[in-house]
N, C-alpha and C. Protein backbone atom coordinates (compact mmCIF):
# COMPACT_ATOMS: atom_id res chain seq x y z
N MET A 1 6.69 -56.40 -66.61
CA MET A 1 7.50 -54.68 -67.69
C MET A 1 6.75 -53.81 -67.07
N ARG A 2 5.27 -53.76 -66.89
CA ARG A 2 4.75 -52.77 -66.69
C ARG A 2 4.85 -52.11 -65.31
N GLN A 3 5.41 -53.14 -64.34
CA GLN A 3 5.76 -52.77 -62.82
C GLN A 3 7.51 -52.04 -62.66
N ARG A 4 8.09 -52.44 -63.28
CA ARG A 4 9.16 -51.93 -63.63
C ARG A 4 9.07 -50.71 -64.53
N PHE A 5 8.52 -50.16 -65.35
CA PHE A 5 8.23 -49.03 -65.71
C PHE A 5 7.92 -48.25 -64.69
N LEU A 6 6.94 -48.75 -64.12
CA LEU A 6 5.94 -47.89 -62.64
C LEU A 6 7.16 -47.79 -62.13
N TYR A 7 8.04 -48.46 -61.51
CA TYR A 7 9.28 -48.55 -60.34
C TYR A 7 10.13 -47.17 -61.25
N ILE A 8 10.36 -47.13 -62.47
CA ILE A 8 11.51 -46.53 -62.83
C ILE A 8 10.95 -45.34 -62.97
N SER A 9 9.53 -45.16 -63.17
CA SER A 9 8.61 -43.40 -63.39
C SER A 9 8.52 -43.09 -62.02
N VAL A 10 8.80 -43.79 -61.18
CA VAL A 10 8.69 -43.11 -59.38
C VAL A 10 10.33 -42.79 -59.30
N LEU A 11 11.17 -43.89 -59.61
CA LEU A 11 12.73 -43.23 -59.50
C LEU A 11 12.89 -41.55 -59.80
N ILE A 12 12.36 -41.50 -60.99
CA ILE A 12 12.90 -40.54 -61.48
C ILE A 12 12.35 -39.43 -60.58
N MET A 13 10.87 -39.52 -61.06
CA MET A 13 10.20 -38.53 -60.08
C MET A 13 10.79 -38.12 -58.69
N TRP A 14 11.37 -39.50 -57.64
CA TRP A 14 11.93 -38.39 -57.05
C TRP A 14 13.47 -38.05 -56.63
N ARG A 15 13.85 -38.13 -57.72
CA ARG A 15 14.81 -37.36 -57.94
C ARG A 15 15.14 -36.30 -58.32
N HIS A 16 13.79 -36.01 -59.07
CA HIS A 16 13.66 -34.66 -59.37
C HIS A 16 13.40 -34.18 -58.93
N MET A 17 12.38 -34.80 -57.75
CA MET A 17 11.96 -33.88 -56.61
C MET A 17 12.26 -33.25 -55.13
N THR A 18 14.09 -33.84 -55.32
CA THR A 18 14.93 -34.19 -54.24
C THR A 18 16.29 -33.14 -54.86
N ASP A 19 15.62 -32.79 -56.01
CA ASP A 19 16.71 -31.67 -56.54
C ASP A 19 15.94 -30.69 -56.36
N THR A 20 15.04 -30.09 -56.34
CA THR A 20 14.12 -28.89 -56.33
C THR A 20 14.77 -28.43 -55.09
N PHE A 21 14.48 -26.76 -55.46
CA PHE A 21 15.17 -25.79 -54.66
C PHE A 21 13.88 -26.19 -53.05
N GLY A 22 13.14 -26.09 -52.99
CA GLY A 22 12.11 -26.13 -51.78
C GLY A 22 12.88 -27.49 -51.05
N PHE A 23 12.37 -28.57 -51.87
CA PHE A 23 13.13 -30.01 -51.17
C PHE A 23 14.70 -29.63 -50.20
N LEU A 24 15.47 -29.23 -51.12
CA LEU A 24 17.03 -29.00 -50.47
C LEU A 24 16.73 -28.18 -49.18
N LEU A 25 16.00 -26.50 -49.41
CA LEU A 25 16.04 -25.86 -48.40
C LEU A 25 15.43 -26.62 -47.06
N SER A 26 14.53 -27.46 -47.68
CA SER A 26 13.93 -28.29 -46.43
C SER A 26 14.80 -29.56 -45.45
N ASP A 27 15.24 -29.89 -46.72
CA ASP A 27 16.46 -31.08 -46.07
C ASP A 27 17.80 -30.67 -45.43
N THR A 28 18.05 -29.05 -46.09
CA THR A 28 19.03 -28.77 -45.34
C THR A 28 18.71 -28.34 -43.81
N ALA A 29 17.68 -27.62 -43.85
CA ALA A 29 17.23 -27.80 -42.41
C ALA A 29 16.79 -28.71 -41.23
N ARG A 30 16.12 -29.59 -41.69
CA ARG A 30 16.01 -30.71 -41.27
C ARG A 30 17.58 -31.57 -40.58
N LEU A 31 18.69 -31.30 -41.43
CA LEU A 31 19.61 -31.62 -41.15
C LEU A 31 20.66 -30.28 -39.69
N LEU A 32 20.47 -29.69 -39.89
CA LEU A 32 20.83 -28.73 -39.26
C LEU A 32 20.23 -28.64 -37.77
N ARG A 33 18.96 -28.57 -37.93
CA ARG A 33 18.46 -29.46 -36.30
C ARG A 33 18.82 -29.91 -36.38
N LYS A 34 18.96 -31.81 -36.78
CA LYS A 34 19.22 -32.86 -36.17
C LYS A 34 20.58 -32.89 -35.62
N ARG A 35 21.43 -31.64 -36.06
CA ARG A 35 22.75 -32.07 -35.93
C ARG A 35 22.84 -30.92 -34.49
N PHE A 36 22.46 -30.16 -34.44
CA PHE A 36 22.01 -28.85 -33.43
C PHE A 36 21.36 -30.10 -31.97
N ASP A 37 20.54 -30.61 -32.32
CA ASP A 37 20.10 -31.50 -31.42
C ASP A 37 20.89 -32.82 -30.72
N GLU A 38 21.43 -32.86 -31.92
CA GLU A 38 22.87 -33.79 -30.97
C GLU A 38 23.44 -33.15 -30.15
N ARG A 39 24.09 -32.13 -30.90
CA ARG A 39 24.94 -31.56 -29.99
C ARG A 39 24.75 -30.63 -28.35
N ALA A 40 23.46 -30.48 -28.67
CA ALA A 40 22.67 -29.66 -27.83
C ALA A 40 22.78 -31.04 -26.37
N ARG A 41 22.44 -31.87 -26.80
CA ARG A 41 22.21 -33.13 -25.70
C ARG A 41 23.23 -32.93 -25.40
N GLN A 42 24.15 -33.12 -25.64
CA GLN A 42 25.72 -33.43 -24.99
C GLN A 42 26.23 -31.79 -23.60
N HIS A 43 25.24 -31.01 -23.73
CA HIS A 43 25.35 -29.63 -22.98
C HIS A 43 24.27 -29.83 -22.02
N GLY A 44 23.20 -31.24 -22.43
CA GLY A 44 21.75 -31.09 -21.05
C GLY A 44 20.67 -30.17 -21.98
N ALA A 45 20.95 -30.05 -23.11
CA ALA A 45 19.77 -28.64 -23.41
C ALA A 45 18.77 -29.34 -24.55
N THR A 46 18.01 -28.78 -25.15
CA THR A 46 17.00 -29.55 -26.14
C THR A 46 16.97 -28.23 -26.54
N ARG A 47 16.73 -28.08 -28.82
CA ARG A 47 16.60 -26.82 -29.00
C ARG A 47 15.38 -26.03 -28.35
N ALA A 48 14.25 -27.00 -28.03
CA ALA A 48 13.46 -26.40 -27.54
C ALA A 48 13.42 -25.39 -26.61
N GLN A 49 14.17 -25.69 -25.94
CA GLN A 49 15.22 -24.81 -24.28
C GLN A 49 15.76 -24.24 -25.23
N TRP A 50 16.87 -23.55 -26.33
CA TRP A 50 17.50 -22.88 -26.25
C TRP A 50 16.56 -21.90 -26.95
N LYS A 51 15.67 -22.51 -28.41
CA LYS A 51 14.95 -20.83 -28.22
C LYS A 51 14.20 -20.67 -27.33
N ALA A 52 13.72 -21.03 -26.57
CA ALA A 52 12.64 -20.40 -25.31
C ALA A 52 14.17 -19.08 -24.01
N LEU A 53 14.91 -19.85 -23.67
CA LEU A 53 15.68 -19.22 -23.34
C LEU A 53 16.33 -17.91 -23.76
N LEU A 54 16.56 -18.13 -25.66
CA LEU A 54 17.37 -16.73 -26.51
C LEU A 54 15.96 -16.02 -26.64
N GLY A 55 14.85 -16.33 -26.44
CA GLY A 55 13.51 -15.26 -26.61
C GLY A 55 13.43 -14.66 -25.40
N ILE A 56 13.28 -15.12 -24.17
CA ILE A 56 13.21 -14.69 -23.14
C ILE A 56 14.77 -13.43 -22.79
N SER A 57 15.93 -14.04 -23.15
CA SER A 57 17.09 -12.87 -23.34
C SER A 57 17.11 -12.05 -24.19
N ARG A 58 15.93 -12.02 -25.34
CA ARG A 58 16.38 -11.21 -25.98
C ARG A 58 14.64 -10.49 -25.71
N HIS A 59 13.70 -10.48 -25.11
CA HIS A 59 12.77 -10.38 -24.49
C HIS A 59 12.37 -10.39 -23.00
N GLU A 60 13.37 -10.04 -21.86
CA GLU A 60 12.68 -10.15 -20.89
C GLU A 60 11.94 -9.90 -20.04
N GLY A 61 11.72 -10.38 -19.33
CA GLY A 61 10.00 -10.30 -18.50
C GLY A 61 8.63 -10.30 -19.86
N ILE A 62 9.08 -11.14 -20.66
CA ILE A 62 8.16 -11.42 -21.86
C ILE A 62 6.95 -12.38 -20.60
N ASN A 63 5.81 -12.10 -21.23
CA ASN A 63 5.15 -13.44 -20.96
C ASN A 63 5.01 -14.85 -21.52
N GLN A 64 4.69 -15.50 -20.97
CA GLN A 64 4.35 -16.79 -21.33
C GLN A 64 3.58 -17.31 -22.41
N GLY A 65 2.33 -16.12 -23.04
CA GLY A 65 1.58 -16.15 -24.01
C GLY A 65 2.29 -15.42 -25.17
N GLY A 66 2.93 -14.28 -24.85
CA GLY A 66 3.85 -13.84 -25.84
C GLY A 66 5.46 -14.61 -25.93
N LEU A 67 5.54 -15.47 -24.99
CA LEU A 67 6.57 -16.47 -25.50
C LEU A 67 6.82 -17.34 -26.38
N ALA A 68 5.01 -17.88 -26.13
CA ALA A 68 4.13 -19.18 -26.91
C ALA A 68 4.39 -18.70 -28.72
N ASP A 69 3.76 -17.34 -28.44
CA ASP A 69 3.41 -16.68 -29.71
C ASP A 69 4.75 -17.15 -30.65
N LEU A 70 5.45 -16.33 -29.75
CA LEU A 70 7.30 -15.95 -30.47
C LEU A 70 7.63 -17.65 -31.17
N LEU A 71 7.52 -18.17 -30.41
CA LEU A 71 8.11 -19.23 -30.71
C LEU A 71 7.24 -20.18 -31.48
N GLU A 72 5.60 -19.59 -31.97
CA GLU A 72 4.71 -20.62 -32.47
C GLU A 72 4.46 -21.73 -31.99
N VAL A 73 4.37 -21.97 -30.62
CA VAL A 73 3.80 -23.23 -29.64
C VAL A 73 2.98 -23.19 -29.31
N GLU A 74 2.12 -24.10 -28.92
CA GLU A 74 0.67 -23.63 -28.07
C GLU A 74 1.10 -23.29 -26.96
N PRO A 75 0.20 -22.83 -25.87
CA PRO A 75 0.25 -22.58 -24.79
C PRO A 75 0.93 -23.56 -23.83
N ILE A 76 0.16 -24.52 -23.76
CA ILE A 76 0.26 -25.86 -22.68
C ILE A 76 1.86 -26.42 -22.89
N THR A 77 2.52 -26.30 -24.92
CA THR A 77 3.30 -26.53 -24.34
C THR A 77 4.48 -26.00 -23.92
N LEU A 78 4.18 -24.45 -24.36
CA LEU A 78 5.59 -23.86 -23.30
C LEU A 78 5.31 -24.37 -21.94
N CYS A 79 3.84 -23.51 -21.71
CA CYS A 79 4.24 -24.46 -20.13
C CYS A 79 5.01 -25.29 -19.71
N ARG A 80 4.63 -26.57 -20.10
CA ARG A 80 5.53 -27.45 -19.77
C ARG A 80 7.16 -27.26 -19.79
N LEU A 81 7.56 -26.65 -20.82
CA LEU A 81 8.89 -26.70 -21.41
C LEU A 81 9.23 -25.65 -19.96
N VAL A 82 8.79 -24.39 -19.89
CA VAL A 82 8.74 -23.34 -18.55
C VAL A 82 9.44 -23.73 -17.22
N ASP A 83 8.18 -25.01 -17.00
CA ASP A 83 8.17 -25.81 -16.28
C ASP A 83 9.72 -26.38 -15.82
N ARG A 84 9.85 -27.47 -16.74
CA ARG A 84 11.40 -28.04 -16.78
C ARG A 84 12.20 -26.90 -16.41
N MET A 85 12.44 -25.88 -17.03
CA MET A 85 13.52 -25.01 -17.08
C MET A 85 13.20 -24.13 -15.75
N GLU A 86 11.92 -23.90 -15.24
CA GLU A 86 12.08 -23.88 -13.73
C GLU A 86 12.65 -24.46 -13.03
N GLU A 87 12.45 -25.67 -13.20
CA GLU A 87 12.59 -26.76 -12.15
C GLU A 87 14.75 -26.84 -12.27
N ALA A 88 14.92 -26.97 -13.27
CA ALA A 88 16.16 -27.18 -13.65
C ALA A 88 17.42 -26.03 -13.52
N GLY A 89 16.45 -24.40 -12.68
CA GLY A 89 16.98 -23.83 -12.30
C GLY A 89 17.14 -22.59 -13.39
N LEU A 90 17.11 -22.39 -14.68
CA LEU A 90 17.37 -21.90 -15.76
C LEU A 90 16.34 -20.44 -15.62
N VAL A 91 15.37 -20.72 -15.58
CA VAL A 91 13.98 -19.84 -15.76
C VAL A 91 13.12 -19.24 -14.78
N GLU A 92 13.18 -18.00 -14.53
CA GLU A 92 12.13 -17.56 -12.90
C GLU A 92 10.78 -17.21 -13.52
N ARG A 93 9.81 -17.15 -13.07
CA ARG A 93 8.69 -16.86 -13.34
C ARG A 93 8.61 -15.75 -12.07
N ARG A 94 7.75 -14.86 -12.36
CA ARG A 94 7.02 -13.86 -11.19
C ARG A 94 6.07 -12.68 -11.91
N ARG A 95 5.28 -12.74 -11.18
CA ARG A 95 3.71 -12.07 -11.25
C ARG A 95 4.06 -10.75 -12.14
N ASP A 96 3.17 -10.45 -13.61
CA ASP A 96 2.96 -9.55 -14.05
C ASP A 96 2.60 -8.17 -13.48
N PRO A 97 2.78 -7.50 -12.76
CA PRO A 97 2.32 -6.66 -11.58
C PRO A 97 0.72 -5.85 -12.35
N ARG A 98 1.21 -5.42 -13.74
CA ARG A 98 -0.19 -5.32 -14.66
C ARG A 98 -2.01 -6.34 -14.41
N ASP A 99 -1.18 -7.81 -14.00
CA ASP A 99 -2.05 -8.91 -14.71
C ASP A 99 -1.47 -9.87 -13.64
N ARG A 100 -2.82 -9.69 -12.93
CA ARG A 100 -2.02 -10.93 -11.67
C ARG A 100 -2.06 -12.69 -12.12
N ARG A 101 -2.84 -12.13 -12.91
CA ARG A 101 -2.98 -13.68 -13.68
C ARG A 101 -1.80 -14.69 -15.00
N ALA A 102 -1.19 -13.14 -15.01
CA ALA A 102 -0.05 -14.14 -16.23
C ALA A 102 1.08 -13.88 -15.24
N TRP A 103 2.47 -14.29 -15.90
CA TRP A 103 3.80 -14.32 -15.15
C TRP A 103 4.60 -14.29 -16.32
N GLN A 104 5.22 -13.22 -15.59
CA GLN A 104 6.37 -12.85 -16.50
C GLN A 104 7.79 -13.77 -16.53
N LEU A 105 8.61 -13.90 -17.70
CA LEU A 105 9.62 -14.63 -17.60
C LEU A 105 11.08 -14.49 -17.44
N TYR A 106 11.74 -14.59 -16.66
CA TYR A 106 13.42 -13.62 -16.54
C TYR A 106 14.34 -15.18 -16.32
N LEU A 107 15.86 -14.97 -16.98
CA LEU A 107 16.53 -15.84 -16.49
C LEU A 107 17.34 -15.72 -15.19
N THR A 108 17.62 -17.04 -14.79
CA THR A 108 18.60 -17.06 -13.62
C THR A 108 19.81 -16.52 -14.43
N ASP A 109 21.14 -16.21 -13.05
CA ASP A 109 22.34 -16.78 -13.27
C ASP A 109 23.09 -18.08 -14.19
N LYS A 110 22.36 -19.08 -13.64
CA LYS A 110 22.81 -20.43 -13.86
C LYS A 110 22.16 -20.14 -15.43
N ALA A 111 21.60 -19.81 -16.62
CA ALA A 111 20.95 -19.50 -17.57
C ALA A 111 22.14 -19.13 -18.30
N HIS A 112 22.77 -18.13 -18.13
CA HIS A 112 23.55 -17.55 -18.86
C HIS A 112 24.35 -18.12 -19.48
N PRO A 113 25.71 -18.80 -18.40
CA PRO A 113 26.61 -19.77 -19.55
C PRO A 113 25.75 -21.00 -20.30
N VAL A 114 24.78 -21.30 -20.00
CA VAL A 114 24.10 -22.45 -20.35
C VAL A 114 23.83 -21.84 -22.03
N LEU A 115 23.49 -20.38 -22.43
CA LEU A 115 22.84 -19.74 -23.41
C LEU A 115 24.26 -19.26 -23.88
N GLU A 116 25.42 -19.14 -23.49
CA GLU A 116 26.58 -18.85 -24.09
C GLU A 116 27.49 -20.38 -25.44
N GLU A 117 26.83 -21.45 -24.04
CA GLU A 117 27.32 -22.75 -24.97
C GLU A 117 26.37 -23.19 -26.10
N LEU A 118 25.31 -23.00 -26.03
CA LEU A 118 24.33 -23.12 -26.54
C LEU A 118 24.98 -22.54 -27.83
N HIS A 119 25.00 -20.97 -27.78
CA HIS A 119 25.81 -20.21 -28.87
C HIS A 119 27.02 -20.51 -29.31
N ALA A 120 27.55 -21.04 -28.69
CA ALA A 120 28.75 -21.71 -29.68
C ALA A 120 28.43 -22.67 -30.31
N THR A 121 27.58 -23.49 -29.27
CA THR A 121 27.52 -24.77 -30.55
C THR A 121 26.57 -24.41 -31.87
N ALA A 122 25.95 -23.33 -31.92
CA ALA A 122 25.11 -23.13 -32.94
C ALA A 122 26.25 -22.41 -34.20
N ALA A 123 27.34 -21.73 -33.19
CA ALA A 123 28.47 -21.43 -33.94
C ALA A 123 28.96 -21.94 -34.82
N GLU A 124 29.46 -23.30 -33.85
CA GLU A 124 30.26 -24.77 -34.46
C GLU A 124 29.68 -25.15 -35.82
N LEU A 125 28.54 -25.50 -35.30
CA LEU A 125 27.25 -26.16 -36.19
C LEU A 125 27.70 -25.03 -37.95
N MET A 126 26.95 -24.16 -37.57
CA MET A 126 27.48 -23.44 -39.13
C MET A 126 28.79 -22.88 -39.89
N GLU A 127 29.43 -22.93 -38.69
CA GLU A 127 30.86 -22.97 -39.10
C GLU A 127 31.07 -24.23 -40.15
N GLN A 128 30.44 -25.85 -39.34
CA GLN A 128 31.00 -26.81 -40.19
C GLN A 128 29.82 -26.50 -41.57
N ALA A 129 28.91 -26.50 -41.22
CA ALA A 129 27.85 -26.14 -42.74
C ALA A 129 28.40 -25.08 -43.84
N LEU A 130 28.76 -24.08 -43.37
CA LEU A 130 29.67 -23.34 -44.39
C LEU A 130 31.01 -23.43 -44.66
N ARG A 131 31.34 -24.32 -44.26
CA ARG A 131 33.23 -24.86 -44.44
C ARG A 131 33.14 -24.90 -45.76
N GLY A 132 34.08 -24.21 -46.54
CA GLY A 132 34.70 -24.50 -48.17
C GLY A 132 33.29 -23.21 -49.02
N ILE A 133 33.02 -23.07 -48.62
CA ILE A 133 32.10 -21.82 -49.06
C ILE A 133 32.26 -20.03 -49.03
N PRO A 134 33.09 -19.45 -49.96
CA PRO A 134 33.35 -18.16 -49.73
C PRO A 134 32.21 -17.47 -49.05
N GLU A 135 32.87 -16.36 -48.74
CA GLU A 135 31.73 -15.41 -47.31
C GLU A 135 31.03 -14.55 -48.65
N ALA A 136 31.32 -14.11 -49.84
CA ALA A 136 30.04 -13.86 -50.79
C ALA A 136 29.19 -14.50 -50.83
N GLN A 137 29.47 -16.08 -51.19
CA GLN A 137 28.39 -16.98 -51.59
C GLN A 137 27.49 -16.86 -50.47
N THR A 138 27.47 -16.79 -49.26
CA THR A 138 27.41 -16.83 -47.89
C THR A 138 26.46 -16.05 -48.18
N LYS A 139 26.97 -14.95 -48.20
CA LYS A 139 25.59 -13.44 -47.81
C LYS A 139 25.17 -13.67 -49.38
N MET A 140 25.39 -14.32 -50.60
CA MET A 140 24.16 -13.91 -51.55
C MET A 140 23.23 -14.74 -51.11
N VAL A 141 23.10 -15.86 -50.36
CA VAL A 141 22.47 -17.28 -49.82
C VAL A 141 21.11 -16.64 -49.19
N THR A 142 22.17 -16.18 -48.06
CA THR A 142 21.69 -15.42 -46.92
C THR A 142 20.55 -14.26 -47.50
N ASP A 143 21.22 -13.44 -48.10
CA ASP A 143 20.04 -12.02 -48.99
C ASP A 143 19.16 -12.71 -49.58
N LEU A 144 19.65 -13.71 -50.60
CA LEU A 144 17.80 -14.27 -50.72
C LEU A 144 16.60 -15.12 -49.74
N LEU A 145 17.56 -15.94 -48.97
CA LEU A 145 16.44 -15.94 -48.21
C LEU A 145 15.52 -15.88 -47.65
N ASN A 146 16.13 -13.92 -47.20
CA ASN A 146 15.53 -12.99 -46.79
C ASN A 146 14.32 -12.29 -47.54
N ARG A 147 15.10 -12.54 -49.09
CA ARG A 147 13.79 -11.96 -49.91
C ARG A 147 12.75 -12.94 -49.74
N ILE A 148 12.86 -14.25 -49.84
CA ILE A 148 12.38 -15.22 -49.73
C ILE A 148 11.18 -15.38 -48.61
N ARG A 149 11.73 -15.13 -47.15
CA ARG A 149 10.87 -15.18 -46.38
C ARG A 149 10.25 -13.83 -46.16
N ASP A 150 10.88 -12.68 -46.60
CA ASP A 150 9.88 -11.36 -47.11
C ASP A 150 8.88 -11.74 -47.71
N ASN A 151 9.08 -12.32 -49.28
CA ASN A 151 7.77 -12.58 -49.71
C ASN A 151 6.67 -13.48 -49.62
N LEU A 152 7.06 -14.14 -48.61
CA LEU A 152 5.88 -15.59 -48.17
C LEU A 152 5.37 -14.95 -47.04
N ASP A 153 6.26 -14.02 -46.09
CA ASP A 153 5.76 -13.26 -44.95
C ASP A 153 5.70 -11.71 -44.98
N PRO A 154 4.97 -11.02 -46.12
CA PRO A 154 5.39 -9.71 -46.18
C PRO A 154 4.85 -8.58 -44.78
N ALA A 155 3.97 -8.96 -44.39
CA ALA A 155 3.94 -8.43 -43.36
C ALA A 155 4.61 -8.06 -41.97
N LEU A 156 5.49 -9.70 -41.92
CA LEU A 156 6.46 -9.22 -40.98
C LEU A 156 7.57 -8.09 -40.98
N PRO A 157 7.70 -7.40 -39.84
CA PRO A 157 7.84 -6.51 -39.83
C PRO A 157 9.66 -6.25 -39.57
N LYS A 158 10.47 -5.60 -41.02
CA LYS A 158 11.26 -5.61 -41.13
C LYS A 158 12.34 -6.49 -39.61
N GLU A 159 12.58 -5.06 -39.01
CA GLU A 159 13.34 -5.61 -37.67
C GLU A 159 13.32 -7.08 -37.14
N ALA A 160 11.93 -7.37 -37.14
CA ALA A 160 11.95 -9.28 -36.59
C ALA A 160 12.68 -10.17 -37.69
N ALA A 161 12.00 -9.64 -39.00
CA ALA A 161 12.69 -10.11 -40.27
C ALA A 161 14.16 -10.48 -40.16
N HIS A 162 14.61 -9.69 -40.12
CA HIS A 162 16.55 -9.57 -40.13
C HIS A 162 17.12 -8.87 -38.85
N GLY A 163 16.87 -9.79 -37.78
CA GLY A 163 17.29 -9.29 -36.65
C GLY A 163 17.58 -10.97 -35.66
């Protein structure tokens, strides 16, 4: 009897936890990442590569340390990722004229169509995720999420937060 009570208590607690805002937000983000990864693999890419390509396209000439900071990854992790993208012909490293120890990153011509495909993949995924949700509600949720992010990271510059 005690074991059954414990099981039911855990089940109720689990159900309550999975209905909370934080859990739903985290689980939704997990599903978006999972579905994007599945689709990106069809193009021979990964989400990490997409984020790196996107970062380089927005900050052409960024150095590896700056990109690692931007992507919130360790520099050695980024170095391996950039190595693979360079081998694939997507990224070019150039010496930084101000610091010969540093490398600046640039997209190659081959990277642009890959980036466009991944943008289209992300747009299709968001279209699927938001299917049946009125635009006004989507805007409201987006505004709320921006506000939550601002509450959690008030030092984040407004341009970076909403860009």
